[in-house]
mmCIF file of all heavy atoms, coordinates in Angstrom:
data_MODEL
# 
_entry.id   MODEL 
# 
loop_
_atom_site.group_PDB 
_atom_site.id 
_atom_site.type_symbol 
_atom_site.label_atom_id 
_atom_site.label_alt_id 
_atom_site.label_comp_id 
_atom_site.label_asym_id 
_atom_site.label_entity_id 
_atom_site.label_seq_id 
_atom_site.pdbx_PDB_ins_code 
_atom_site.Cartn_x 
_atom_site.Cartn_y 
_atom_site.Cartn_z 
_atom_site.occupancy 
_atom_site.B_iso_or_equiv 
_atom_site.pdbx_formal_charge 
_atom_site.auth_seq_id 
_atom_site.auth_comp_id 
_atom_site.auth_asym_id 
_atom_site.auth_atom_id 
_atom_site.pdbx_PDB_model_num 
ATOM 1   N N   . ARG A 1 1  ? 0.830  -1.213 0.000  1.00 0.00 ? 1  ARG A N   1 
ATOM 2   C CA  . ARG A 1 1  ? 0.000  0.000  0.000  1.00 0.00 ? 1  ARG A CA  1 
ATOM 3   C C   . ARG A 1 1  ? 0.857  1.253  0.000  1.00 0.00 ? 1  ARG A C   1 
ATOM 4   O O   . ARG A 1 1  ? 0.418  2.325  -0.424 1.00 0.00 ? 1  ARG A O   1 
ATOM 5   C CB  . ARG A 1 1  ? -0.940 0.009  1.204  1.00 0.00 ? 1  ARG A CB  1 
ATOM 6   C CG  . ARG A 1 1  ? -0.268 0.294  2.532  1.00 0.00 ? 1  ARG A CG  1 
ATOM 7   C CD  . ARG A 1 1  ? -1.273 0.397  3.672  1.00 0.00 ? 1  ARG A CD  1 
ATOM 8   N NE  . ARG A 1 1  ? -0.623 0.713  4.925  1.00 0.00 ? 1  ARG A NE  1 
ATOM 9   C CZ  . ARG A 1 1  ? -0.339 1.941  5.307  1.00 0.00 ? 1  ARG A CZ  1 
ATOM 10  N NH1 . ARG A 1 1  ? -0.631 2.964  4.521  1.00 0.00 ? 1  ARG A NH1 1 
ATOM 11  N NH2 . ARG A 1 1  ? 0.251  2.171  6.461  1.00 0.00 ? 1  ARG A NH2 1 
ATOM 12  N N   . LEU A 1 2  ? 2.116  1.163  0.495  1.00 0.00 ? 2  LEU A N   1 
ATOM 13  C CA  . LEU A 1 2  ? 2.991  2.328  0.518  1.00 0.00 ? 2  LEU A CA  1 
ATOM 14  C C   . LEU A 1 2  ? 3.362  2.773  -0.887 1.00 0.00 ? 2  LEU A C   1 
ATOM 15  O O   . LEU A 1 2  ? 3.695  3.939  -1.101 1.00 0.00 ? 2  LEU A O   1 
ATOM 16  C CB  . LEU A 1 2  ? 4.260  2.014  1.317  1.00 0.00 ? 2  LEU A CB  1 
ATOM 17  C CG  . LEU A 1 2  ? 4.054  1.638  2.790  1.00 0.00 ? 2  LEU A CG  1 
ATOM 18  C CD1 . LEU A 1 2  ? 5.379  1.289  3.435  1.00 0.00 ? 2  LEU A CD1 1 
ATOM 19  C CD2 . LEU A 1 2  ? 3.389  2.777  3.556  1.00 0.00 ? 2  LEU A CD2 1 
ATOM 20  N N   . ASP A 1 3  ? 3.320  1.860  -1.849 1.00 0.00 ? 3  ASP A N   1 
ATOM 21  C CA  . ASP A 1 3  ? 3.688  2.218  -3.218 1.00 0.00 ? 3  ASP A CA  1 
ATOM 22  C C   . ASP A 1 3  ? 2.685  3.193  -3.834 1.00 0.00 ? 3  ASP A C   1 
ATOM 23  O O   . ASP A 1 3  ? 3.002  3.853  -4.825 1.00 0.00 ? 3  ASP A O   1 
ATOM 24  C CB  . ASP A 1 3  ? 3.777  0.956  -4.081 1.00 0.00 ? 3  ASP A CB  1 
ATOM 25  C CG  . ASP A 1 3  ? 4.904  0.036  -3.621 1.00 0.00 ? 3  ASP A CG  1 
ATOM 26  O OD1 . ASP A 1 3  ? 5.849  0.540  -2.989 1.00 0.00 ? 3  ASP A OD1 1 
ATOM 27  O OD2 . ASP A 1 3  ? 4.812  -1.184 -3.862 1.00 0.00 ? 3  ASP A OD2 1 
ATOM 28  N N   . ASP A 1 4  ? 1.494  3.261  -3.257 1.00 0.00 ? 4  ASP A N   1 
ATOM 29  C CA  . ASP A 1 4  ? 0.470  4.161  -3.802 1.00 0.00 ? 4  ASP A CA  1 
ATOM 30  C C   . ASP A 1 4  ? 0.536  5.559  -3.201 1.00 0.00 ? 4  ASP A C   1 
ATOM 31  O O   . ASP A 1 4  ? -0.209 6.445  -3.628 1.00 0.00 ? 4  ASP A O   1 
ATOM 32  C CB  . ASP A 1 4  ? -0.928 3.570  -3.549 1.00 0.00 ? 4  ASP A CB  1 
ATOM 33  C CG  . ASP A 1 4  ? -1.110 2.220  -4.230 1.00 0.00 ? 4  ASP A CG  1 
ATOM 34  O OD1 . ASP A 1 4  ? -0.523 2.027  -5.311 1.00 0.00 ? 4  ASP A OD1 1 
ATOM 35  O OD2 . ASP A 1 4  ? -1.829 1.363  -3.672 1.00 0.00 ? 4  ASP A OD2 1 
ATOM 36  N N   . LEU A 1 5  ? 1.403  5.767  -2.197 1.00 0.00 ? 5  LEU A N   1 
ATOM 37  C CA  . LEU A 1 5  ? 1.512  7.072  -1.554 1.00 0.00 ? 5  LEU A CA  1 
ATOM 38  C C   . LEU A 1 5  ? 2.528  7.928  -2.294 1.00 0.00 ? 5  LEU A C   1 
ATOM 39  O O   . LEU A 1 5  ? 3.580  7.449  -2.699 1.00 0.00 ? 5  LEU A O   1 
ATOM 40  C CB  . LEU A 1 5  ? 1.927  6.915  -0.088 1.00 0.00 ? 5  LEU A CB  1 
ATOM 41  C CG  . LEU A 1 5  ? 1.001  6.054  0.781  1.00 0.00 ? 5  LEU A CG  1 
ATOM 42  C CD1 . LEU A 1 5  ? 1.556  5.941  2.191  1.00 0.00 ? 5  LEU A CD1 1 
ATOM 43  C CD2 . LEU A 1 5  ? -0.400 6.646  0.814  1.00 0.00 ? 5  LEU A CD2 1 
ATOM 44  N N   . ASP A 1 6  ? 2.221  9.208  -2.444 1.00 0.00 ? 6  ASP A N   1 
ATOM 45  C CA  . ASP A 1 6  ? 3.076  10.102 -3.226 1.00 0.00 ? 6  ASP A CA  1 
ATOM 46  C C   . ASP A 1 6  ? 3.342  11.383 -2.444 1.00 0.00 ? 6  ASP A C   1 
ATOM 47  O O   . ASP A 1 6  ? 2.426  11.939 -1.835 1.00 0.00 ? 6  ASP A O   1 
ATOM 48  C CB  . ASP A 1 6  ? 2.413  10.428 -4.558 1.00 0.00 ? 6  ASP A CB  1 
ATOM 49  C CG  . ASP A 1 6  ? 3.405  10.952 -5.586 1.00 0.00 ? 6  ASP A CG  1 
ATOM 50  O OD1 . ASP A 1 6  ? 4.080  11.955 -5.296 1.00 0.00 ? 6  ASP A OD1 1 
ATOM 51  O OD2 . ASP A 1 6  ? 3.517  10.354 -6.668 1.00 0.00 ? 6  ASP A OD2 1 
ATOM 52  N N   . MET A 1 7  ? 4.578  11.835 -2.474 1.00 0.00 ? 7  MET A N   1 
ATOM 53  C CA  . MET A 1 7  ? 4.934  13.088 -1.804 1.00 0.00 ? 7  MET A CA  1 
ATOM 54  C C   . MET A 1 7  ? 4.145  14.269 -2.352 1.00 0.00 ? 7  MET A C   1 
ATOM 55  O O   . MET A 1 7  ? 3.884  15.248 -1.642 1.00 0.00 ? 7  MET A O   1 
ATOM 56  C CB  . MET A 1 7  ? 6.434  13.351 -1.966 1.00 0.00 ? 7  MET A CB  1 
ATOM 57  C CG  . MET A 1 7  ? 7.319  12.542 -1.039 1.00 0.00 ? 7  MET A CG  1 
ATOM 58  S SD  . MET A 1 7  ? 7.227  13.110 0.673  1.00 0.00 ? 7  MET A SD  1 
ATOM 59  C CE  . MET A 1 7  ? 8.513  12.085 1.416  1.00 0.00 ? 7  MET A CE  1 
ATOM 60  N N   . ALA A 1 8  ? 3.771  14.197 -3.613 1.00 0.00 ? 8  ALA A N   1 
ATOM 61  C CA  . ALA A 1 8  ? 3.030  15.301 -4.223 1.00 0.00 ? 8  ALA A CA  1 
ATOM 62  C C   . ALA A 1 8  ? 1.659  15.487 -3.590 1.00 0.00 ? 8  ALA A C   1 
ATOM 63  O O   . ALA A 1 8  ? 1.035  16.542 -3.750 1.00 0.00 ? 8  ALA A O   1 
ATOM 64  C CB  . ALA A 1 8  ? 2.885  15.061 -5.721 1.00 0.00 ? 8  ALA A CB  1 
ATOM 65  N N   . ASP A 1 9  ? 1.168  14.468 -2.887 1.00 0.00 ? 9  ASP A N   1 
ATOM 66  C CA  . ASP A 1 9  ? -0.143 14.573 -2.240 1.00 0.00 ? 9  ASP A CA  1 
ATOM 67  C C   . ASP A 1 9  ? -0.119 15.483 -1.011 1.00 0.00 ? 9  ASP A C   1 
ATOM 68  O O   . ASP A 1 9  ? -1.177 15.903 -0.538 1.00 0.00 ? 9  ASP A O   1 
ATOM 69  C CB  . ASP A 1 9  ? -0.628 13.185 -1.806 1.00 0.00 ? 9  ASP A CB  1 
ATOM 70  C CG  . ASP A 1 9  ? -0.794 12.241 -2.984 1.00 0.00 ? 9  ASP A CG  1 
ATOM 71  O OD1 . ASP A 1 9  ? -1.018 12.747 -4.104 1.00 0.00 ? 9  ASP A OD1 1 
ATOM 72  O OD2 . ASP A 1 9  ? -0.703 11.020 -2.787 1.00 0.00 ? 9  ASP A OD2 1 
ATOM 73  N N   . LEU A 1 10 ? 1.072  15.744 -0.464 1.00 0.00 ? 10 LEU A N   1 
ATOM 74  C CA  . LEU A 1 10 ? 1.187  16.530 0.760  1.00 0.00 ? 10 LEU A CA  1 
ATOM 75  C C   . LEU A 1 10 ? 1.396  18.001 0.413  1.00 0.00 ? 10 LEU A C   1 
ATOM 76  O O   . LEU A 1 10 ? 2.327  18.355 -0.301 1.00 0.00 ? 10 LEU A O   1 
ATOM 77  C CB  . LEU A 1 10 ? 2.357  16.030 1.610  1.00 0.00 ? 10 LEU A CB  1 
ATOM 78  C CG  . LEU A 1 10 ? 2.285  14.566 2.050  1.00 0.00 ? 10 LEU A CG  1 
ATOM 79  C CD1 . LEU A 1 10 ? 3.500  14.216 2.897  1.00 0.00 ? 10 LEU A CD1 1 
ATOM 80  C CD2 . LEU A 1 10 ? 1.005  14.304 2.824  1.00 0.00 ? 10 LEU A CD2 1 
ATOM 81  N N   . ARG A 1 11 ? 0.528  18.851 0.942  1.00 0.00 ? 11 ARG A N   1 
ATOM 82  C CA  . ARG A 1 11 ? 0.592  20.296 0.672  1.00 0.00 ? 11 ARG A CA  1 
ATOM 83  C C   . ARG A 1 11 ? 1.614  20.940 1.603  1.00 0.00 ? 11 ARG A C   1 
ATOM 84  O O   . ARG A 1 11 ? 1.646  20.665 2.800  1.00 0.00 ? 11 ARG A O   1 
ATOM 85  C CB  . ARG A 1 11 ? -0.798 20.909 0.883  1.00 0.00 ? 11 ARG A CB  1 
ATOM 86  C CG  . ARG A 1 11 ? -0.877 22.396 0.630  1.00 0.00 ? 11 ARG A CG  1 
ATOM 87  C CD  . ARG A 1 11 ? -2.341 22.824 0.551  1.00 0.00 ? 11 ARG A CD  1 
ATOM 88  N NE  . ARG A 1 11 ? -3.069 22.408 1.735  1.00 0.00 ? 11 ARG A NE  1 
ATOM 89  C CZ  . ARG A 1 11 ? -3.170 23.143 2.850  1.00 0.00 ? 11 ARG A CZ  1 
ATOM 90  N NH1 . ARG A 1 11 ? -2.553 24.315 2.905  1.00 0.00 ? 11 ARG A NH1 1 
ATOM 91  N NH2 . ARG A 1 11 ? -3.865 22.727 3.881  1.00 0.00 ? 11 ARG A NH2 1 
ATOM 92  N N   . GLY A 1 12 ? 2.461  21.802 1.042  1.00 0.00 ? 12 GLY A N   1 
ATOM 93  C CA  . GLY A 1 12 ? 3.455  22.498 1.849  1.00 0.00 ? 12 GLY A CA  1 
ATOM 94  C C   . GLY A 1 12 ? 4.542  21.550 2.340  1.00 0.00 ? 12 GLY A C   1 
ATOM 95  O O   . GLY A 1 12 ? 4.956  20.628 1.647  1.00 0.00 ? 12 GLY A O   1 
ATOM 96  N N   . LEU A 1 13 ? 5.023  21.806 3.569  1.00 0.00 ? 13 LEU A N   1 
ATOM 97  C CA  . LEU A 1 13 ? 6.039  20.972 4.228  1.00 0.00 ? 13 LEU A CA  1 
ATOM 98  C C   . LEU A 1 13 ? 7.325  20.875 3.407  1.00 0.00 ? 13 LEU A C   1 
ATOM 99  O O   . LEU A 1 13 ? 8.039  19.877 3.459  1.00 0.00 ? 13 LEU A O   1 
ATOM 100 C CB  . LEU A 1 13 ? 5.502  19.560 4.493  1.00 0.00 ? 13 LEU A CB  1 
ATOM 101 C CG  . LEU A 1 13 ? 4.261  19.457 5.378  1.00 0.00 ? 13 LEU A CG  1 
ATOM 102 C CD1 . LEU A 1 13 ? 3.755  18.011 5.412  1.00 0.00 ? 13 LEU A CD1 1 
ATOM 103 C CD2 . LEU A 1 13 ? 4.573  19.935 6.791  1.00 0.00 ? 13 LEU A CD2 1 
ATOM 104 N N   . ASP A 1 14 ? 7.642  21.923 2.640  1.00 0.00 ? 14 ASP A N   1 
ATOM 105 C CA  . ASP A 1 14 ? 8.804  21.849 1.754  1.00 0.00 ? 14 ASP A CA  1 
ATOM 106 C C   . ASP A 1 14 ? 10.113 21.744 2.522  1.00 0.00 ? 14 ASP A C   1 
ATOM 107 O O   . ASP A 1 14 ? 11.042 21.060 2.085  1.00 0.00 ? 14 ASP A O   1 
ATOM 108 C CB  . ASP A 1 14 ? 8.834  23.071 0.829  1.00 0.00 ? 14 ASP A CB  1 
ATOM 109 C CG  . ASP A 1 14 ? 7.635  23.106 -0.100 1.00 0.00 ? 14 ASP A CG  1 
ATOM 110 O OD1 . ASP A 1 14 ? 7.386  22.087 -0.769 1.00 0.00 ? 14 ASP A OD1 1 
ATOM 111 O OD2 . ASP A 1 14 ? 6.939  24.127 -0.126 1.00 0.00 ? 14 ASP A OD2 1 
ATOM 112 N N   . ASP A 1 15 ? 10.187 22.431 3.662  1.00 0.00 ? 15 ASP A N   1 
ATOM 113 C CA  . ASP A 1 15 ? 11.382 22.331 4.496  1.00 0.00 ? 15 ASP A CA  1 
ATOM 114 C C   . ASP A 1 15 ? 11.618 20.884 4.914  1.00 0.00 ? 15 ASP A C   1 
ATOM 115 O O   . ASP A 1 15 ? 12.723 20.348 4.775  1.00 0.00 ? 15 ASP A O   1 
ATOM 116 C CB  . ASP A 1 15 ? 11.186 23.227 5.732  1.00 0.00 ? 15 ASP A CB  1 
ATOM 117 C CG  . ASP A 1 15 ? 12.339 23.150 6.706  1.00 0.00 ? 15 ASP A CG  1 
ATOM 118 O OD1 . ASP A 1 15 ? 12.470 22.130 7.407  1.00 0.00 ? 15 ASP A OD1 1 
ATOM 119 O OD2 . ASP A 1 15 ? 13.090 24.132 6.782  1.00 0.00 ? 15 ASP A OD2 1 
ATOM 120 N N   . ALA A 1 16 ? 10.569 20.221 5.405  1.00 0.00 ? 16 ALA A N   1 
ATOM 121 C CA  . ALA A 1 16 ? 10.690 18.823 5.851  1.00 0.00 ? 16 ALA A CA  1 
ATOM 122 C C   . ALA A 1 16 ? 10.945 17.893 4.670  1.00 0.00 ? 16 ALA A C   1 
ATOM 123 O O   . ALA A 1 16 ? 11.711 16.925 4.788  1.00 0.00 ? 16 ALA A O   1 
ATOM 124 C CB  . ALA A 1 16 ? 9.426  18.402 6.598  1.00 0.00 ? 16 ALA A CB  1 
ATOM 125 N N   . LYS A 1 17 ? 10.331 18.158 3.529  1.00 0.00 ? 17 LYS A N   1 
ATOM 126 C CA  . LYS A 1 17 ? 10.548 17.308 2.358  1.00 0.00 ? 17 LYS A CA  1 
ATOM 127 C C   . LYS A 1 17 ? 12.005 17.358 1.906  1.00 0.00 ? 17 LYS A C   1 
ATOM 128 O O   . LYS A 1 17 ? 12.592 16.327 1.550  1.00 0.00 ? 17 LYS A O   1 
ATOM 129 C CB  . LYS A 1 17 ? 9.629  17.740 1.212  1.00 0.00 ? 17 LYS A CB  1 
ATOM 130 C CG  . LYS A 1 17 ? 8.164  17.380 1.407  1.00 0.00 ? 17 LYS A CG  1 
ATOM 131 C CD  . LYS A 1 17 ? 7.346  17.860 0.221  1.00 0.00 ? 17 LYS A CD  1 
ATOM 132 C CE  . LYS A 1 17 ? 5.869  17.541 0.382  1.00 0.00 ? 17 LYS A CE  1 
ATOM 133 N NZ  . LYS A 1 17 ? 5.070  18.059 -0.737 1.00 0.00 ? 17 LYS A NZ  1 
ATOM 134 N N   . PHE A 1 18 ? 12.592 18.564 1.929  1.00 0.00 ? 18 PHE A N   1 
ATOM 135 C CA  . PHE A 1 18 ? 13.991 18.676 1.541  1.00 0.00 ? 18 PHE A CA  1 
ATOM 136 C C   . PHE A 1 18 ? 14.870 17.907 2.531  1.00 0.00 ? 18 PHE A C   1 
ATOM 137 O O   . PHE A 1 18 ? 15.794 17.190 2.136  1.00 0.00 ? 18 PHE A O   1 
ATOM 138 C CB  . PHE A 1 18 ? 14.417 20.140 1.493  1.00 0.00 ? 18 PHE A CB  1 
ATOM 139 C CG  . PHE A 1 18 ? 15.895 20.329 1.272  1.00 0.00 ? 18 PHE A CG  1 
ATOM 140 C CD1 . PHE A 1 18 ? 16.472 20.005 0.064  1.00 0.00 ? 18 PHE A CD1 1 
ATOM 141 C CD2 . PHE A 1 18 ? 16.706 20.830 2.292  1.00 0.00 ? 18 PHE A CD2 1 
ATOM 142 C CE1 . PHE A 1 18 ? 17.842 20.165 -0.142 1.00 0.00 ? 18 PHE A CE1 1 
ATOM 143 C CE2 . PHE A 1 18 ? 18.068 20.987 2.093  1.00 0.00 ? 18 PHE A CE2 1 
ATOM 144 C CZ  . PHE A 1 18 ? 18.635 20.660 0.880  1.00 0.00 ? 18 PHE A CZ  1 
ATOM 145 N N   . ALA A 1 19 ? 14.577 18.036 3.826  1.00 0.00 ? 19 ALA A N   1 
ATOM 146 C CA  . ALA A 1 19 ? 15.350 17.319 4.837  1.00 0.00 ? 19 ALA A CA  1 
ATOM 147 C C   . ALA A 1 19 ? 15.252 15.815 4.641  1.00 0.00 ? 19 ALA A C   1 
ATOM 148 O O   . ALA A 1 19 ? 16.246 15.084 4.759  1.00 0.00 ? 19 ALA A O   1 
ATOM 149 C CB  . ALA A 1 19 ? 14.857 17.710 6.233  1.00 0.00 ? 19 ALA A CB  1 
ATOM 150 N N   . ILE A 1 20 ? 14.066 15.332 4.328  1.00 0.00 ? 20 ILE A N   1 
ATOM 151 C CA  . ILE A 1 20 ? 13.866 13.895 4.113  1.00 0.00 ? 20 ILE A CA  1 
ATOM 152 C C   . ILE A 1 20 ? 14.589 13.435 2.854  1.00 0.00 ? 20 ILE A C   1 
ATOM 153 O O   . ILE A 1 20 ? 15.162 12.338 2.809  1.00 0.00 ? 20 ILE A O   1 
ATOM 154 C CB  . ILE A 1 20 ? 12.365 13.588 4.048  1.00 0.00 ? 20 ILE A CB  1 
ATOM 155 C CG1 . ILE A 1 20 ? 11.778 13.602 5.469  1.00 0.00 ? 20 ILE A CG1 1 
ATOM 156 C CG2 . ILE A 1 20 ? 12.088 12.256 3.361  1.00 0.00 ? 20 ILE A CG2 1 
ATOM 157 C CD1 . ILE A 1 20 ? 10.292 13.466 5.528  1.00 0.00 ? 20 ILE A CD1 1 
ATOM 158 N N   . GLU A 1 21 ? 14.600 14.275 1.837  1.00 0.00 ? 21 GLU A N   1 
ATOM 159 C CA  . GLU A 1 21 ? 15.308 13.916 0.609  1.00 0.00 ? 21 GLU A CA  1 
ATOM 160 C C   . GLU A 1 21 ? 16.807 13.781 0.872  1.00 0.00 ? 21 GLU A C   1 
ATOM 161 O O   . GLU A 1 21 ? 17.460 12.843 0.382  1.00 0.00 ? 21 GLU A O   1 
ATOM 162 C CB  . GLU A 1 21 ? 15.055 14.971 -0.469 1.00 0.00 ? 21 GLU A CB  1 
ATOM 163 C CG  . GLU A 1 21 ? 15.571 14.584 -1.840 1.00 0.00 ? 21 GLU A CG  1 
ATOM 164 C CD  . GLU A 1 21 ? 15.151 15.583 -2.906 1.00 0.00 ? 21 GLU A CD  1 
ATOM 165 O OE1 . GLU A 1 21 ? 14.503 16.596 -2.569 1.00 0.00 ? 21 GLU A OE1 1 
ATOM 166 O OE2 . GLU A 1 21 ? 15.476 15.340 -4.079 1.00 0.00 ? 21 GLU A OE2 1 
ATOM 167 N N   . VAL A 1 22 ? 17.355 14.696 1.667  1.00 0.00 ? 22 VAL A N   1 
ATOM 168 C CA  . VAL A 1 22 ? 18.765 14.598 2.038  1.00 0.00 ? 22 VAL A CA  1 
ATOM 169 C C   . VAL A 1 22 ? 19.009 13.328 2.848  1.00 0.00 ? 22 VAL A C   1 
ATOM 170 O O   . VAL A 1 22 ? 19.979 12.593 2.617  1.00 0.00 ? 22 VAL A O   1 
ATOM 171 C CB  . VAL A 1 22 ? 19.206 15.846 2.835  1.00 0.00 ? 22 VAL A CB  1 
ATOM 172 C CG1 . VAL A 1 22 ? 20.637 15.674 3.351  1.00 0.00 ? 22 VAL A CG1 1 
ATOM 173 C CG2 . VAL A 1 22 ? 19.114 17.097 1.977  1.00 0.00 ? 22 VAL A CG2 1 
ATOM 174 N N   . ALA A 1 23 ? 18.132 13.059 3.818  1.00 0.00 ? 23 ALA A N   1 
ATOM 175 C CA  . ALA A 1 23 ? 18.282 11.862 4.651  1.00 0.00 ? 23 ALA A CA  1 
ATOM 176 C C   . ALA A 1 23 ? 18.255 10.601 3.795  1.00 0.00 ? 23 ALA A C   1 
ATOM 177 O O   . ALA A 1 23 ? 19.055 9.680  3.989  1.00 0.00 ? 23 ALA A O   1 
ATOM 178 C CB  . ALA A 1 23 ? 17.174 11.819 5.708  1.00 0.00 ? 23 ALA A CB  1 
ATOM 179 N N   . ALA A 1 24 ? 17.336 10.538 2.847  1.00 0.00 ? 24 ALA A N   1 
ATOM 180 C CA  . ALA A 1 24 ? 17.218 9.359  1.984  1.00 0.00 ? 24 ALA A CA  1 
ATOM 181 C C   . ALA A 1 24 ? 18.441 9.215  1.088  1.00 0.00 ? 24 ALA A C   1 
ATOM 182 O O   . ALA A 1 24 ? 18.914 8.102  0.828  1.00 0.00 ? 24 ALA A O   1 
ATOM 183 C CB  . ALA A 1 24 ? 15.953 9.459  1.141  1.00 0.00 ? 24 ALA A CB  1 
# 
């Protein structure tokens, strides 16, 4: 079910998304 989840679905949170991208 995780394969159906997309980061684009989350509004805002760009600071956290960038941090997660670096972590990954």
